Amino acid sequence: MEVEFDVKITPGVLYDYMLYHTYTSAAGLIGAVAGALMVVAYFMGAGILILIAGIIILAYLPWTLFLKSRQQYLANPAFKMPLHYKMTEEGVTVSQNDETQGQKWEDMYKAVSTSRSLILYTSPVNASIFPKKDLGEKAPGVIEIISTHMPPKKVKIRS
């Protein structure tokens, strides 16, 4: 089986990835829980400063990620043009202009999904992002080839 497709990385796609990556990490979860607990504490009688601190903590991370996704998009020339992916029995290759890079399936770290994208991690911090709107009718084939070539414990994709 082989699947080929093109994706366009936009600031919105990067933001979706950054939100997922951050809020599934320990630091992101701790921050969200701490902010939520402060808001709850306010309603249980704590002062207004606790409420303000909780709101700031809850709003800070999404806002900074939003700004960072815009900055990263503008700073990376590779995001200006579509990326061409080819998934084969051996692995995944990505090409743009005259450059091609590949990675074998056994070297992939994990595969996950968000409501907007499929994310194929090539390391704990690097990933290929496949926006579902770009995949269109190829999405089931992409999910199938990922699921076939990666161990089930590394694949957390919801359709």
N, C-alpha and C. Protein backbone atom coordinates (compact mmCIF):
# COMPACT_ATOMS: atom_id res chain seq x y z
N MET A 1 0.85 -1.19 0.00
CA MET A 1 0.00 0.00 0.00
C MET A 1 0.89 1.25 0.00
N GLU A 2 0.43 2.24 -0.70
CA GLU A 2 1.17 3.49 -0.81
C GLU A 2 0.17 4.64 -0.85
N VAL A 3 0.49 5.72 -0.14
CA VAL A 3 -0.39 6.90 -0.13
C VAL A 3 0.48 8.13 -0.34
N GLU A 4 0.04 9.01 -1.23
CA GLU A 4 0.72 10.28 -1.47
C GLU A 4 -0.25 11.42 -1.29
N PHE A 5 0.23 12.51 -0.70
CA PHE A 5 -0.63 13.69 -0.49
C PHE A 5 0.22 14.91 -0.23
N ASP A 6 -0.39 16.06 -0.40
CA ASP A 6 0.26 17.34 -0.13
C ASP A 6 -0.43 18.00 1.05
N VAL A 7 0.35 18.67 1.90
CA VAL A 7 -0.23 19.42 3.02
C VAL A 7 0.35 20.83 3.02
N LYS A 8 -0.45 21.75 3.50
CA LYS A 8 -0.02 23.14 3.65
C LYS A 8 -0.06 23.45 5.13
N ILE A 9 1.08 23.83 5.68
CA ILE A 9 1.16 24.18 7.10
C ILE A 9 0.81 25.66 7.25
N THR A 10 -0.23 25.92 8.04
CA THR A 10 -0.69 27.29 8.28
C THR A 10 -0.50 27.60 9.77
N PRO A 11 -0.62 28.87 10.15
CA PRO A 11 -0.54 29.19 11.58
C PRO A 11 -1.59 28.42 12.41
N GLY A 12 -2.78 28.23 11.87
CA GLY A 12 -3.83 27.50 12.58
C GLY A 12 -3.46 26.04 12.80
N VAL A 13 -2.84 25.43 11.80
CA VAL A 13 -2.39 24.04 11.91
C VAL A 13 -1.29 23.93 12.98
N LEU A 14 -0.37 24.87 12.97
CA LEU A 14 0.69 24.88 13.99
C LEU A 14 0.12 25.08 15.38
N TYR A 15 -0.87 25.98 15.50
CA TYR A 15 -1.49 26.25 16.80
C TYR A 15 -2.17 24.99 17.35
N ASP A 16 -2.90 24.29 16.49
CA ASP A 16 -3.56 23.05 16.89
C ASP A 16 -2.53 22.04 17.41
N TYR A 17 -1.41 21.90 16.68
CA TYR A 17 -0.34 20.99 17.10
C TYR A 17 0.25 21.43 18.43
N MET A 18 0.54 22.72 18.57
CA MET A 18 1.16 23.21 19.81
C MET A 18 0.24 23.03 21.02
N LEU A 19 -1.06 23.27 20.83
CA LEU A 19 -2.01 23.05 21.92
C LEU A 19 -1.98 21.58 22.35
N TYR A 20 -2.07 20.67 21.39
CA TYR A 20 -2.05 19.25 21.71
C TYR A 20 -0.76 18.90 22.44
N HIS A 21 0.36 19.30 21.85
CA HIS A 21 1.67 18.92 22.39
C HIS A 21 1.85 19.47 23.82
N THR A 22 1.42 20.69 24.04
CA THR A 22 1.59 21.32 25.36
C THR A 22 0.66 20.71 26.40
N TYR A 23 -0.62 20.57 26.06
CA TYR A 23 -1.58 20.10 27.06
C TYR A 23 -1.56 18.59 27.29
N THR A 24 -0.73 17.87 26.55
CA THR A 24 -0.54 16.46 26.86
C THR A 24 0.80 16.25 27.57
N SER A 25 1.51 17.34 27.86
CA SER A 25 2.75 17.24 28.63
C SER A 25 2.45 17.52 30.10
N ALA A 26 3.34 17.10 30.97
CA ALA A 26 3.14 17.30 32.41
C ALA A 26 3.03 18.79 32.75
N ALA A 27 3.90 19.61 32.20
CA ALA A 27 3.89 21.05 32.52
C ALA A 27 2.58 21.71 32.10
N GLY A 28 2.09 21.37 30.91
CA GLY A 28 0.83 21.94 30.42
C GLY A 28 -0.34 21.53 31.29
N LEU A 29 -0.37 20.25 31.67
CA LEU A 29 -1.46 19.76 32.52
C LEU A 29 -1.42 20.40 33.90
N ILE A 30 -0.23 20.52 34.48
CA ILE A 30 -0.10 21.12 35.81
C ILE A 30 -0.56 22.58 35.78
N GLY A 31 -0.16 23.31 34.74
CA GLY A 31 -0.59 24.71 34.62
C GLY A 31 -2.10 24.84 34.51
N ALA A 32 -2.71 23.99 33.68
CA ALA A 32 -4.16 24.06 33.50
C ALA A 32 -4.88 23.70 34.79
N VAL A 33 -4.43 22.68 35.48
CA VAL A 33 -5.05 22.27 36.74
C VAL A 33 -4.88 23.35 37.80
N ALA A 34 -3.68 23.93 37.89
CA ALA A 34 -3.44 24.99 38.88
C ALA A 34 -4.36 26.19 38.62
N GLY A 35 -4.48 26.61 37.38
CA GLY A 35 -5.37 27.73 37.04
C GLY A 35 -6.82 27.42 37.37
N ALA A 36 -7.25 26.21 37.01
CA ALA A 36 -8.64 25.82 37.29
C ALA A 36 -8.90 25.75 38.80
N LEU A 37 -7.95 25.23 39.55
CA LEU A 37 -8.12 25.17 41.01
C LEU A 37 -8.21 26.56 41.63
N MET A 38 -7.47 27.51 41.07
CA MET A 38 -7.56 28.88 41.59
C MET A 38 -8.93 29.49 41.33
N VAL A 39 -9.49 29.22 40.16
CA VAL A 39 -10.84 29.72 39.85
C VAL A 39 -11.85 29.07 40.80
N VAL A 40 -11.73 27.77 41.01
CA VAL A 40 -12.62 27.07 41.95
C VAL A 40 -12.46 27.62 43.36
N ALA A 41 -11.21 27.88 43.76
CA ALA A 41 -10.95 28.42 45.11
C ALA A 41 -11.64 29.77 45.30
N TYR A 42 -11.67 30.58 44.25
CA TYR A 42 -12.36 31.87 44.34
C TYR A 42 -13.84 31.66 44.68
N PHE A 43 -14.47 30.70 43.99
CA PHE A 43 -15.89 30.45 44.23
C PHE A 43 -16.15 29.78 45.57
N MET A 44 -15.09 29.31 46.21
CA MET A 44 -15.23 28.73 47.54
C MET A 44 -14.84 29.74 48.63
N GLY A 45 -14.67 30.99 48.22
CA GLY A 45 -14.45 32.03 49.22
C GLY A 45 -13.08 32.68 49.21
N ALA A 46 -12.18 32.25 48.34
CA ALA A 46 -10.87 32.90 48.27
C ALA A 46 -11.03 34.28 47.65
N GLY A 47 -10.03 35.11 47.78
CA GLY A 47 -10.12 36.48 47.30
C GLY A 47 -10.08 36.63 45.80
N ILE A 48 -10.37 37.86 45.36
CA ILE A 48 -10.41 38.17 43.94
C ILE A 48 -9.05 37.99 43.28
N LEU A 49 -7.97 38.19 44.04
CA LEU A 49 -6.63 38.01 43.46
C LEU A 49 -6.39 36.56 43.01
N ILE A 50 -6.98 35.63 43.74
CA ILE A 50 -6.87 34.21 43.35
C ILE A 50 -7.59 33.98 42.02
N LEU A 51 -8.76 34.60 41.87
CA LEU A 51 -9.51 34.47 40.61
C LEU A 51 -8.70 35.07 39.46
N ILE A 52 -8.16 36.27 39.66
CA ILE A 52 -7.38 36.93 38.62
C ILE A 52 -6.16 36.07 38.25
N ALA A 53 -5.47 35.56 39.26
CA ALA A 53 -4.29 34.71 39.01
C ALA A 53 -4.70 33.46 38.22
N GLY A 54 -5.80 32.84 38.59
CA GLY A 54 -6.28 31.64 37.89
C GLY A 54 -6.61 31.91 36.44
N ILE A 55 -7.28 33.03 36.18
CA ILE A 55 -7.64 33.40 34.80
C ILE A 55 -6.38 33.68 33.98
N ILE A 56 -5.43 34.39 34.59
CA ILE A 56 -4.18 34.69 33.88
C ILE A 56 -3.45 33.39 33.54
N ILE A 57 -3.38 32.47 34.49
CA ILE A 57 -2.69 31.19 34.25
C ILE A 57 -3.39 30.41 33.14
N LEU A 58 -4.73 30.39 33.17
CA LEU A 58 -5.48 29.64 32.15
C LEU A 58 -5.37 30.28 30.77
N ALA A 59 -5.29 31.59 30.70
CA ALA A 59 -5.25 32.28 29.41
C ALA A 59 -3.84 32.43 28.85
N TYR A 60 -2.84 32.44 29.72
CA TYR A 60 -1.46 32.70 29.29
C TYR A 60 -0.95 31.70 28.26
N LEU A 61 -1.08 30.43 28.56
CA LEU A 61 -0.52 29.41 27.68
C LEU A 61 -1.17 29.40 26.29
N PRO A 62 -2.49 29.37 26.18
CA PRO A 62 -3.07 29.40 24.83
C PRO A 62 -2.69 30.67 24.06
N TRP A 63 -2.64 31.80 24.74
CA TRP A 63 -2.29 33.05 24.06
C TRP A 63 -0.84 33.02 23.57
N THR A 64 0.08 32.58 24.42
CA THR A 64 1.49 32.54 23.99
C THR A 64 1.69 31.50 22.88
N LEU A 65 0.97 30.39 22.93
CA LEU A 65 1.07 29.40 21.86
C LEU A 65 0.52 29.96 20.55
N PHE A 66 -0.54 30.74 20.65
CA PHE A 66 -1.12 31.39 19.47
C PHE A 66 -0.07 32.31 18.82
N LEU A 67 0.57 33.14 19.64
CA LEU A 67 1.59 34.05 19.13
C LEU A 67 2.79 33.28 18.57
N LYS A 68 3.20 32.23 19.28
CA LYS A 68 4.35 31.43 18.85
C LYS A 68 4.06 30.73 17.52
N SER A 69 2.83 30.25 17.32
CA SER A 69 2.50 29.59 16.05
C SER A 69 2.59 30.57 14.89
N ARG A 70 2.17 31.81 15.10
CA ARG A 70 2.28 32.85 14.06
C ARG A 70 3.75 33.15 13.76
N GLN A 71 4.54 33.32 14.83
CA GLN A 71 5.97 33.61 14.66
C GLN A 71 6.68 32.49 13.91
N GLN A 72 6.40 31.26 14.32
CA GLN A 72 7.06 30.11 13.71
C GLN A 72 6.69 30.00 12.23
N TYR A 73 5.43 30.26 11.91
CA TYR A 73 4.99 30.21 10.52
C TYR A 73 5.74 31.25 9.69
N LEU A 74 5.82 32.46 10.20
CA LEU A 74 6.49 33.55 9.46
C LEU A 74 7.99 33.33 9.35
N ALA A 75 8.60 32.69 10.35
CA ALA A 75 10.05 32.51 10.37
C ALA A 75 10.53 31.31 9.54
N ASN A 76 9.62 30.40 9.19
CA ASN A 76 10.04 29.18 8.50
C ASN A 76 9.61 29.22 7.03
N PRO A 77 10.55 29.41 6.11
CA PRO A 77 10.20 29.48 4.69
C PRO A 77 9.57 28.19 4.15
N ALA A 78 9.86 27.05 4.79
CA ALA A 78 9.30 25.77 4.32
C ALA A 78 7.77 25.75 4.43
N PHE A 79 7.20 26.56 5.32
CA PHE A 79 5.75 26.57 5.49
C PHE A 79 5.03 27.36 4.40
N LYS A 80 5.76 28.08 3.58
CA LYS A 80 5.14 28.92 2.54
C LYS A 80 4.63 28.09 1.36
N MET A 81 5.21 26.90 1.17
CA MET A 81 4.82 26.04 0.07
C MET A 81 4.35 24.68 0.60
N PRO A 82 3.51 23.99 -0.18
CA PRO A 82 3.03 22.68 0.29
C PRO A 82 4.18 21.67 0.44
N LEU A 83 3.99 20.74 1.36
CA LEU A 83 4.92 19.64 1.57
C LEU A 83 4.29 18.40 0.94
N HIS A 84 5.08 17.63 0.20
CA HIS A 84 4.57 16.41 -0.44
C HIS A 84 5.03 15.20 0.37
N TYR A 85 4.06 14.41 0.83
CA TYR A 85 4.36 13.21 1.61
C TYR A 85 4.05 11.97 0.79
N LYS A 86 4.89 10.96 0.99
CA LYS A 86 4.66 9.65 0.37
C LYS A 86 4.88 8.61 1.46
N MET A 87 3.83 7.84 1.74
CA MET A 87 3.90 6.77 2.73
C MET A 87 3.93 5.44 1.98
N THR A 88 4.98 4.65 2.27
CA THR A 88 5.14 3.36 1.60
C THR A 88 5.34 2.28 2.66
N GLU A 89 5.59 1.07 2.21
CA GLU A 89 5.85 -0.04 3.13
C GLU A 89 7.10 0.21 3.97
N GLU A 90 8.06 0.95 3.43
CA GLU A 90 9.32 1.19 4.12
C GLU A 90 9.22 2.32 5.15
N GLY A 91 8.48 3.37 4.82
CA GLY A 91 8.41 4.52 5.72
C GLY A 91 7.76 5.71 5.07
N VAL A 92 8.14 6.89 5.53
CA VAL A 92 7.53 8.13 5.08
C VAL A 92 8.62 9.04 4.51
N THR A 93 8.37 9.58 3.32
CA THR A 93 9.27 10.58 2.77
C THR A 93 8.50 11.88 2.60
N VAL A 94 9.21 12.97 2.82
CA VAL A 94 8.63 14.29 2.63
C VAL A 94 9.54 15.03 1.66
N SER A 95 8.92 15.71 0.72
CA SER A 95 9.72 16.46 -0.24
C SER A 95 9.11 17.83 -0.50
N GLN A 96 10.02 18.74 -0.84
CA GLN A 96 9.62 20.10 -1.19
C GLN A 96 10.73 20.63 -2.08
N ASN A 97 10.36 21.19 -3.21
CA ASN A 97 11.34 21.61 -4.22
C ASN A 97 12.22 20.41 -4.58
N ASP A 98 13.52 20.52 -4.43
CA ASP A 98 14.42 19.42 -4.79
C ASP A 98 14.93 18.65 -3.58
N GLU A 99 14.39 18.93 -2.40
CA GLU A 99 14.84 18.27 -1.17
C GLU A 99 13.88 17.16 -0.78
N THR A 100 14.45 16.02 -0.37
CA THR A 100 13.64 14.89 0.09
C THR A 100 14.28 14.31 1.35
N GLN A 101 13.45 14.03 2.34
CA GLN A 101 13.92 13.37 3.57
C GLN A 101 12.98 12.21 3.85
N GLY A 102 13.55 11.15 4.42
CA GLY A 102 12.74 9.98 4.72
C GLY A 102 13.01 9.45 6.12
N GLN A 103 12.05 8.71 6.61
CA GLN A 103 12.20 8.05 7.91
C GLN A 103 11.48 6.71 7.86
N LYS A 104 12.13 5.68 8.40
CA LYS A 104 11.55 4.34 8.42
C LYS A 104 10.45 4.26 9.49
N TRP A 105 9.50 3.38 9.27
CA TRP A 105 8.39 3.20 10.22
C TRP A 105 8.90 2.85 11.61
N GLU A 106 9.92 1.99 11.69
CA GLU A 106 10.39 1.55 13.01
C GLU A 106 11.04 2.69 13.80
N ASP A 107 11.40 3.78 13.12
CA ASP A 107 12.00 4.92 13.81
C ASP A 107 10.97 5.97 14.25
N MET A 108 9.71 5.75 13.89
CA MET A 108 8.66 6.71 14.27
C MET A 108 8.39 6.60 15.78
N TYR A 109 8.10 7.74 16.39
CA TYR A 109 7.91 7.79 17.84
C TYR A 109 6.48 7.44 18.23
N LYS A 110 5.50 8.15 17.66
CA LYS A 110 4.09 7.85 17.92
C LYS A 110 3.23 8.58 16.90
N ALA A 111 1.96 8.19 16.83
CA ALA A 111 0.99 8.85 15.95
C ALA A 111 -0.26 9.15 16.78
N VAL A 112 -0.75 10.39 16.65
CA VAL A 112 -1.93 10.82 17.40
C VAL A 112 -2.83 11.63 16.48
N SER A 113 -4.01 11.96 16.98
CA SER A 113 -4.90 12.82 16.21
C SER A 113 -5.49 13.89 17.11
N THR A 114 -5.79 15.02 16.49
CA THR A 114 -6.58 16.07 17.15
C THR A 114 -7.84 16.20 16.31
N SER A 115 -8.70 17.11 16.66
CA SER A 115 -9.91 17.28 15.85
C SER A 115 -9.58 17.80 14.45
N ARG A 116 -8.41 18.45 14.31
CA ARG A 116 -8.06 19.07 13.03
C ARG A 116 -6.93 18.39 12.26
N SER A 117 -6.14 17.54 12.93
CA SER A 117 -4.95 17.00 12.27
C SER A 117 -4.62 15.58 12.73
N LEU A 118 -3.84 14.90 11.88
CA LEU A 118 -3.13 13.69 12.28
C LEU A 118 -1.70 14.14 12.51
N ILE A 119 -1.08 13.66 13.58
CA ILE A 119 0.28 14.07 13.92
C ILE A 119 1.14 12.82 14.02
N LEU A 120 2.19 12.78 13.23
CA LEU A 120 3.12 11.66 13.23
C LEU A 120 4.43 12.16 13.83
N TYR A 121 4.67 11.77 15.09
CA TYR A 121 5.88 12.20 15.79
C TYR A 121 7.07 11.40 15.29
N THR A 122 8.13 12.12 14.90
CA THR A 122 9.36 11.48 14.46
C THR A 122 10.37 11.42 15.61
N SER A 123 10.07 12.13 16.68
CA SER A 123 10.86 12.12 17.92
C SER A 123 9.92 12.65 19.01
N PRO A 124 10.36 12.68 20.27
CA PRO A 124 9.46 13.21 21.30
C PRO A 124 9.04 14.67 21.07
N VAL A 125 9.81 15.45 20.32
CA VAL A 125 9.47 16.86 20.13
C VAL A 125 9.29 17.28 18.67
N ASN A 126 9.56 16.42 17.72
CA ASN A 126 9.40 16.75 16.30
C ASN A 126 8.29 15.91 15.68
N ALA A 127 7.56 16.53 14.76
CA ALA A 127 6.44 15.81 14.17
C ALA A 127 6.14 16.30 12.76
N SER A 128 5.49 15.42 12.02
CA SER A 128 4.89 15.80 10.75
C SER A 128 3.40 15.98 11.03
N ILE A 129 2.86 17.09 10.57
CA ILE A 129 1.46 17.41 10.83
C ILE A 129 0.69 17.27 9.52
N PHE A 130 -0.39 16.50 9.57
CA PHE A 130 -1.22 16.28 8.39
C PHE A 130 -2.62 16.85 8.67
N PRO A 131 -2.89 18.08 8.23
CA PRO A 131 -4.23 18.64 8.45
C PRO A 131 -5.29 17.78 7.76
N LYS A 132 -6.35 17.46 8.49
CA LYS A 132 -7.40 16.59 7.94
C LYS A 132 -8.04 17.23 6.70
N LYS A 133 -8.13 18.56 6.67
CA LYS A 133 -8.73 19.23 5.50
C LYS A 133 -7.89 19.01 4.24
N ASP A 134 -6.56 18.86 4.40
CA ASP A 134 -5.69 18.60 3.25
C ASP A 134 -5.73 17.13 2.84
N LEU A 135 -5.95 16.25 3.81
CA LEU A 135 -5.99 14.81 3.49
C LEU A 135 -7.25 14.44 2.73
N GLY A 136 -8.37 15.07 3.09
CA GLY A 136 -9.64 14.77 2.42
C GLY A 136 -9.97 13.30 2.47
N GLU A 137 -10.28 12.71 1.28
CA GLU A 137 -10.68 11.30 1.23
C GLU A 137 -9.50 10.36 1.41
N LYS A 138 -8.27 10.89 1.47
CA LYS A 138 -7.10 10.04 1.69
C LYS A 138 -6.87 9.76 3.18
N ALA A 139 -7.59 10.45 4.06
CA ALA A 139 -7.39 10.29 5.51
C ALA A 139 -7.51 8.83 5.96
N PRO A 140 -8.56 8.08 5.56
CA PRO A 140 -8.64 6.68 6.01
C PRO A 140 -7.43 5.85 5.56
N GLY A 141 -6.92 6.10 4.35
CA GLY A 141 -5.74 5.38 3.86
C GLY A 141 -4.49 5.72 4.66
N VAL A 142 -4.36 7.00 5.04
CA VAL A 142 -3.23 7.43 5.85
C VAL A 142 -3.29 6.77 7.22
N ILE A 143 -4.47 6.78 7.82
CA ILE A 143 -4.66 6.14 9.13
C ILE A 143 -4.35 4.65 9.04
N GLU A 144 -4.82 4.02 7.97
CA GLU A 144 -4.59 2.57 7.80
C GLU A 144 -3.11 2.24 7.66
N ILE A 145 -2.38 3.00 6.85
CA ILE A 145 -0.96 2.69 6.65
C ILE A 145 -0.16 2.96 7.93
N ILE A 146 -0.52 4.01 8.66
CA ILE A 146 0.15 4.28 9.94
C ILE A 146 -0.13 3.14 10.92
N SER A 147 -1.40 2.75 11.03
CA SER A 147 -1.80 1.71 11.97
C SER A 147 -1.21 0.35 11.61
N THR A 148 -1.00 0.11 10.33
CA THR A 148 -0.43 -1.16 9.87
C THR A 148 1.06 -1.26 10.16
N HIS A 149 1.76 -0.12 10.10
CA HIS A 149 3.22 -0.15 10.19
C HIS A 149 3.79 0.29 11.53
N MET A 150 2.94 0.71 12.44
CA MET A 150 3.43 1.10 13.77
C MET A 150 2.76 0.22 14.83
N PRO A 151 3.47 -0.06 15.92
CA PRO A 151 2.86 -0.87 16.99
C PRO A 151 1.62 -0.19 17.56
N PRO A 152 0.56 -0.96 17.88
CA PRO A 152 -0.68 -0.37 18.38
C PRO A 152 -0.48 0.56 19.58
N LYS A 153 0.49 0.27 20.45
CA LYS A 153 0.67 1.12 21.62
C LYS A 153 1.22 2.51 21.27
N LYS A 154 1.73 2.67 20.06
CA LYS A 154 2.25 3.97 19.62
C LYS A 154 1.22 4.78 18.82
N VAL A 155 0.08 4.18 18.54
CA VAL A 155 -0.93 4.84 17.69
C VAL A 155 -2.16 5.18 18.52
N LYS A 156 -2.43 6.49 18.63
CA LYS A 156 -3.60 6.98 19.37
C LYS A 156 -4.39 7.90 18.42
N ILE A 157 -5.00 7.31 17.42
CA ILE A 157 -5.73 8.07 16.43
C ILE A 157 -7.23 7.77 16.56
N ARG A 158 -7.99 8.87 16.73
CA ARG A 158 -9.45 8.77 16.75
C ARG A 158 -9.96 9.28 15.40
N SER A 159 -10.87 8.59 14.82
CA SER A 159 -11.38 9.04 13.50
C SER A 159 -12.36 10.16 13.65
